[in-house]
Amino acid sequence: MVCPCCGTELRGGVRYCTACGVAVHGLSTAPAFWVQSRKHVVVVLVCMLTIALAGGSWLGLQLYQAMSCFISAHSEHAIVLDISAAGWDTDNGASRVPIHITGKTVDGIAVDEVDYVASDGSGISLIQGVYTLEAAGSPIAADGTIYQIPCTSATLTLDDVFATGETINLAELAEQDSILTFRPIDAGDMTNDEIYNAALLAVAYKGNDAPDVAALCQAAINRRTAASTSGNAFKSCGEIGSVLQVKRANQSLFHRN
């Protein structure tokens, strides 16, 4: 038996160390036991630390990948449309083309809205999802021209194929119609409803480059008046403006769910 304090060899059965006086009864195997236990604890702790570090790296990688996927899925893509309409130029004061967008985002959120597209095809931004795009109405050209509304539509699927924030030109997608064509309505054939509906959509656009809708309405009325002798028509911009104010006060046009 060995004294756990000073290491002196002792005969069996003694209660105290004959060299240092420390009580040793019943502790003859304690030093070896505790040394062995501490070694085991160190080995276990090292193993646990290694596993924790490895697990932490794996978890960190998974979190990074998940966050990257989330950011990619929710980054907006600028959608460019190729629109053809004779005499239509938003840089020259024309109203934008209203595009009705329906579908669902990558999160399953329903979309039902109208966005407004300029002459360069810009004006729509969407995150990943599946959408249908179609003309919601006619723009009004600076000279008052109003157009037939095309019946074509395009279905767009935005997924991981596209890079984060990539600009997407529908004309470059083989499965889509390359051009959305608006054909002018003969001035003499324009109806009150066609002027009114185009003005109603134009006035809903609130961008910094929003046109003077009153001037566009007057141009459309003047253009029709010059080509027609019909008495059942708006005579002035003020008349159609009054109707617009009443209509806008009593209905909500478009919304996003």
Protein backbone atom coordinates (compact mmCIF):
# COMPACT_ATOMS: atom_id res chain seq x y z
CA MET A 1 0.00 0.00 0.00
CA VAL A 2 1.27 3.47 -0.81
CA CYS A 3 0.49 6.75 0.98
CA PRO A 4 -1.54 8.91 -1.43
CA CYS A 5 0.09 12.02 -0.06
CA CYS A 6 3.81 11.35 0.26
CA GLY A 7 4.17 8.03 -1.58
CA THR A 8 5.68 6.13 1.37
CA GLU A 9 5.34 2.35 1.21
CA LEU A 10 3.08 1.23 4.06
CA ARG A 11 2.16 -2.17 5.47
CA GLY A 12 -1.35 -3.37 4.95
CA GLY A 13 -4.08 -2.44 7.39
CA VAL A 14 -2.55 0.80 8.79
CA ARG A 15 -4.93 3.71 9.29
CA TYR A 16 -2.38 6.53 9.08
CA CYS A 17 0.84 7.09 7.15
CA THR A 18 3.86 6.51 9.36
CA ALA A 19 5.77 9.22 7.48
CA CYS A 20 3.32 12.13 7.09
CA GLY A 21 0.36 11.13 9.29
CA VAL A 22 -2.29 11.37 6.56
CA ALA A 23 -5.28 9.06 7.03
CA VAL A 24 -4.97 6.22 4.54
CA HIS A 25 -7.48 3.64 5.76
CA GLY A 26 -9.60 2.32 2.86
CA LEU A 27 -7.81 4.50 0.26
CA SER A 28 -5.04 2.16 -0.78
CA THR A 29 -6.28 1.99 -4.40
CA ALA A 30 -7.56 5.54 -4.64
CA PRO A 31 -4.55 7.17 -6.36
CA ALA A 32 -4.47 4.70 -9.21
CA PHE A 33 -8.29 4.90 -9.52
CA TRP A 34 -8.46 8.68 -9.78
CA VAL A 35 -5.56 8.96 -12.17
CA GLN A 36 -7.22 6.42 -14.44
CA SER A 37 -10.57 8.17 -14.19
CA ARG A 38 -9.10 11.55 -15.06
CA LYS A 39 -7.46 10.01 -18.13
CA HIS A 40 -10.79 8.58 -19.21
CA VAL A 41 -12.50 11.95 -18.69
CA VAL A 42 -9.90 13.69 -20.83
CA VAL A 43 -10.33 11.16 -23.62
CA VAL A 44 -14.13 11.49 -23.46
CA LEU A 45 -13.95 15.30 -23.47
CA VAL A 46 -11.60 15.30 -26.46
CA CYS A 47 -13.97 12.97 -28.34
CA MET A 48 -16.95 15.13 -27.45
CA LEU A 49 -15.15 18.29 -28.56
CA THR A 50 -14.16 16.68 -31.86
CA ILE A 51 -17.73 15.59 -32.51
CA ALA A 52 -19.05 19.02 -31.54
CA LEU A 53 -16.64 20.78 -33.89
CA ALA A 54 -17.44 18.41 -36.74
CA GLY A 55 -21.15 18.69 -36.05
CA GLY A 56 -20.89 22.45 -35.80
CA SER A 57 -19.18 22.68 -39.16
CA TRP A 58 -21.84 20.48 -40.76
CA LEU A 59 -24.65 22.46 -39.13
CA GLY A 60 -23.03 25.73 -40.16
CA LEU A 61 -22.75 24.49 -43.74
CA GLN A 62 -26.39 23.45 -43.75
CA LEU A 63 -27.48 26.82 -42.37
CA TYR A 64 -25.35 28.65 -44.94
CA GLN A 65 -26.82 26.60 -47.79
CA ALA A 66 -30.36 27.12 -46.51
CA MET A 67 -29.83 30.86 -46.19
CA SER A 68 -28.31 31.04 -49.67
CA CYS A 69 -31.31 29.18 -51.14
CA PHE A 70 -33.72 31.48 -49.29
CA ILE A 71 -31.95 34.62 -50.52
CA SER A 72 -31.85 33.30 -54.08
CA ALA A 73 -35.54 32.34 -54.03
CA HIS A 74 -36.62 35.72 -52.68
CA SER A 75 -34.35 37.96 -54.74
CA GLU A 76 -36.34 39.92 -57.29
CA HIS A 77 -35.79 39.36 -60.99
CA ALA A 78 -36.34 42.27 -63.34
CA ILE A 79 -38.64 41.03 -66.13
CA VAL A 80 -38.26 42.67 -69.54
CA LEU A 81 -41.11 42.54 -72.06
CA ASP A 82 -40.87 43.23 -75.78
CA ILE A 83 -43.85 45.44 -76.59
CA SER A 84 -44.78 46.76 -80.03
CA ALA A 85 -47.25 49.65 -80.34
CA ALA A 86 -46.99 52.19 -83.15
CA GLY A 87 -46.53 55.73 -81.84
CA TRP A 88 -46.27 54.63 -78.21
CA ASP A 89 -43.31 56.02 -76.27
CA THR A 90 -43.34 56.54 -72.51
CA ASP A 91 -40.31 58.83 -72.83
CA ASN A 92 -42.54 61.10 -74.89
CA GLY A 93 -45.37 61.27 -72.34
CA ALA A 94 -47.38 58.13 -73.16
CA SER A 95 -48.84 56.04 -70.37
CA ARG A 96 -47.28 52.70 -69.50
CA VAL A 97 -48.69 49.35 -70.63
CA PRO A 98 -50.65 47.71 -67.78
CA ILE A 99 -49.72 44.03 -67.38
CA HIS A 100 -51.93 41.76 -65.30
CA ILE A 101 -49.88 39.22 -63.33
CA THR A 102 -51.39 36.18 -61.64
CA GLY A 103 -49.80 33.12 -60.08
CA LYS A 104 -48.01 32.01 -56.92
CA THR A 105 -44.67 32.84 -55.38
CA VAL A 106 -42.19 30.18 -54.25
CA ASP A 107 -43.82 30.46 -50.81
CA GLY A 108 -47.24 29.62 -52.21
CA ILE A 109 -48.53 33.19 -51.83
CA ALA A 110 -51.12 34.05 -54.46
CA VAL A 111 -50.33 37.00 -56.73
CA ASP A 112 -52.97 39.05 -58.54
CA GLU A 113 -51.69 42.48 -59.49
CA VAL A 114 -51.15 44.94 -62.30
CA ASP A 115 -47.67 46.28 -63.02
CA TYR A 116 -46.85 48.97 -65.56
CA VAL A 117 -44.28 48.53 -68.32
CA ALA A 118 -42.35 51.32 -70.03
CA SER A 119 -41.25 51.49 -73.66
CA ASP A 120 -37.92 49.84 -72.82
CA GLY A 121 -39.77 46.80 -71.44
CA SER A 122 -38.97 47.49 -67.79
CA GLY A 123 -41.39 47.78 -64.89
CA ILE A 124 -41.93 44.24 -63.55
CA SER A 125 -39.99 42.57 -60.73
CA LEU A 126 -40.80 39.08 -59.44
CA ILE A 127 -39.31 36.55 -57.03
CA GLN A 128 -39.27 32.81 -57.75
CA GLY A 129 -42.66 31.35 -58.58
CA VAL A 130 -44.98 30.55 -61.46
CA TYR A 131 -46.80 33.44 -63.12
CA THR A 132 -49.04 34.29 -66.04
CA LEU A 133 -48.62 37.69 -67.68
CA GLU A 134 -51.15 39.31 -70.00
CA ALA A 135 -52.15 42.80 -71.08
CA ALA A 136 -54.67 44.34 -68.70
CA GLY A 137 -55.60 47.18 -71.02
CA SER A 138 -54.38 49.72 -73.53
CA PRO A 139 -51.82 52.45 -73.00
CA ILE A 140 -52.52 55.95 -74.31
CA ALA A 141 -49.96 57.39 -76.68
CA ALA A 142 -48.98 61.04 -76.43
CA ASP A 143 -51.16 61.87 -79.45
CA GLY A 144 -54.19 60.17 -77.86
CA THR A 145 -53.92 56.84 -79.72
CA ILE A 146 -55.59 53.92 -77.96
CA TYR A 147 -54.90 50.32 -78.90
CA GLN A 148 -56.61 46.97 -79.27
CA ILE A 149 -55.73 44.77 -76.31
CA PRO A 150 -53.81 41.64 -77.41
CA CYS A 151 -55.23 38.32 -76.26
CA THR A 152 -51.88 36.58 -75.88
CA SER A 153 -50.40 35.66 -72.52
CA ALA A 154 -47.10 34.27 -71.28
CA THR A 155 -46.47 31.76 -68.52
CA LEU A 156 -43.23 32.35 -66.65
CA THR A 157 -41.56 29.92 -64.24
CA LEU A 158 -38.82 31.45 -62.11
CA ASP A 159 -36.64 28.89 -60.33
CA ASP A 160 -33.01 28.04 -59.54
CA VAL A 161 -32.18 27.92 -63.25
CA PHE A 162 -31.84 31.70 -63.11
CA ALA A 163 -29.02 33.34 -61.17
CA THR A 164 -29.84 35.42 -58.12
CA GLY A 165 -31.23 38.77 -59.27
CA GLU A 166 -30.78 37.92 -62.95
CA THR A 167 -32.65 40.13 -65.44
CA ILE A 168 -34.96 38.00 -67.56
CA ASN A 169 -35.99 39.01 -71.07
CA LEU A 170 -39.11 37.09 -72.09
CA ALA A 171 -38.22 37.51 -75.75
CA GLU A 172 -35.11 35.40 -75.14
CA LEU A 173 -37.11 32.47 -73.75
CA ALA A 174 -37.87 30.18 -76.69
CA GLU A 175 -41.24 29.05 -75.33
CA GLN A 176 -42.65 32.58 -75.03
CA ASP A 177 -44.14 34.92 -77.61
CA SER A 178 -41.33 37.33 -78.39
CA ILE A 179 -43.48 40.44 -78.89
CA LEU A 180 -46.67 41.74 -77.28
CA THR A 181 -48.31 43.65 -80.14
CA PHE A 182 -50.82 46.46 -79.64
CA ARG A 183 -52.61 47.59 -82.79
CA PRO A 184 -53.97 51.16 -82.93
CA ILE A 185 -57.74 51.64 -82.94
CA ASP A 186 -58.93 53.94 -85.70
CA ALA A 187 -59.58 57.35 -84.18
CA GLY A 188 -63.16 57.45 -85.42
CA ASP A 189 -63.90 54.03 -83.93
CA MET A 190 -62.75 54.76 -80.38
CA THR A 191 -65.58 54.40 -77.86
CA ASN A 192 -66.21 56.12 -74.55
CA ASP A 193 -65.48 52.88 -72.73
CA GLU A 194 -62.14 52.43 -74.48
CA ILE A 195 -61.02 55.94 -73.57
CA TYR A 196 -62.35 55.60 -70.04
CA ASN A 197 -60.78 52.19 -69.37
CA ALA A 198 -57.39 53.27 -70.70
CA ALA A 199 -57.51 56.41 -68.55
CA LEU A 200 -58.59 54.46 -65.47
CA LEU A 201 -55.58 52.16 -65.76
CA ALA A 202 -53.20 55.02 -66.57
CA VAL A 203 -54.23 57.03 -63.53
CA ALA A 204 -53.61 54.02 -61.25
CA TYR A 205 -49.87 54.14 -61.98
CA LYS A 206 -48.13 56.21 -59.27
CA GLY A 207 -44.48 56.06 -60.36
CA ASN A 208 -42.21 59.09 -60.52
CA ASP A 209 -42.61 59.11 -64.29
CA ALA A 210 -46.42 58.97 -64.18
CA PRO A 211 -47.84 60.78 -67.23
CA ASP A 212 -50.28 63.66 -67.35
CA VAL A 213 -53.37 61.48 -67.70
CA ALA A 214 -55.67 64.48 -68.10
CA ALA A 215 -53.65 65.63 -71.12
CA LEU A 216 -53.66 62.12 -72.60
CA CYS A 217 -57.43 61.86 -72.16
CA GLN A 218 -57.93 65.20 -73.84
CA ALA A 219 -55.65 64.14 -76.71
CA ALA A 220 -57.71 60.94 -77.16
CA ILE A 221 -60.98 62.90 -77.11
CA ASN A 222 -59.67 65.48 -79.56
CA ARG A 223 -58.37 62.74 -81.85
CA ARG A 224 -61.70 60.96 -81.85
CA THR A 225 -63.63 64.23 -82.28
CA ALA A 226 -61.57 65.15 -85.31
CA ALA A 227 -62.42 61.83 -86.95
CA SER A 228 -66.03 61.36 -85.86
CA THR A 229 -69.30 63.27 -85.72
CA SER A 230 -70.84 61.01 -83.07
CA GLY A 231 -72.73 62.96 -80.43
CA ASN A 232 -72.53 60.19 -77.82
CA ALA A 233 -69.00 60.89 -76.68
CA PHE A 234 -66.98 62.67 -74.03
CA LYS A 235 -66.60 66.28 -75.03
CA SER A 236 -63.73 67.23 -72.73
CA CYS A 237 -61.11 65.94 -70.35
CA GLY A 238 -63.05 67.46 -67.47
CA GLU A 239 -66.04 65.27 -68.23
CA ILE A 240 -64.07 62.03 -68.24
CA GLY A 241 -62.08 63.24 -65.22
CA SER A 242 -65.26 63.57 -63.16
CA VAL A 243 -66.26 60.03 -64.05
CA LEU A 244 -62.82 58.74 -63.10
CA GLN A 245 -62.94 60.40 -59.69
CA VAL A 246 -66.30 58.85 -58.88
CA LYS A 247 -65.22 55.43 -60.12
CA ARG A 248 -61.92 55.46 -58.19
CA ALA A 249 -63.73 56.41 -54.99
CA ASN A 250 -66.03 53.41 -55.22
CA GLN A 251 -63.86 50.51 -56.30
CA SER A 252 -60.50 48.89 -55.72
CA LEU A 253 -58.83 48.00 -59.00
CA PHE A 254 -56.18 45.40 -58.38
CA HIS A 255 -54.52 43.91 -55.35
CA ARG A 256 -51.89 41.42 -54.21
CA ASN A 257 -53.18 38.66 -51.96
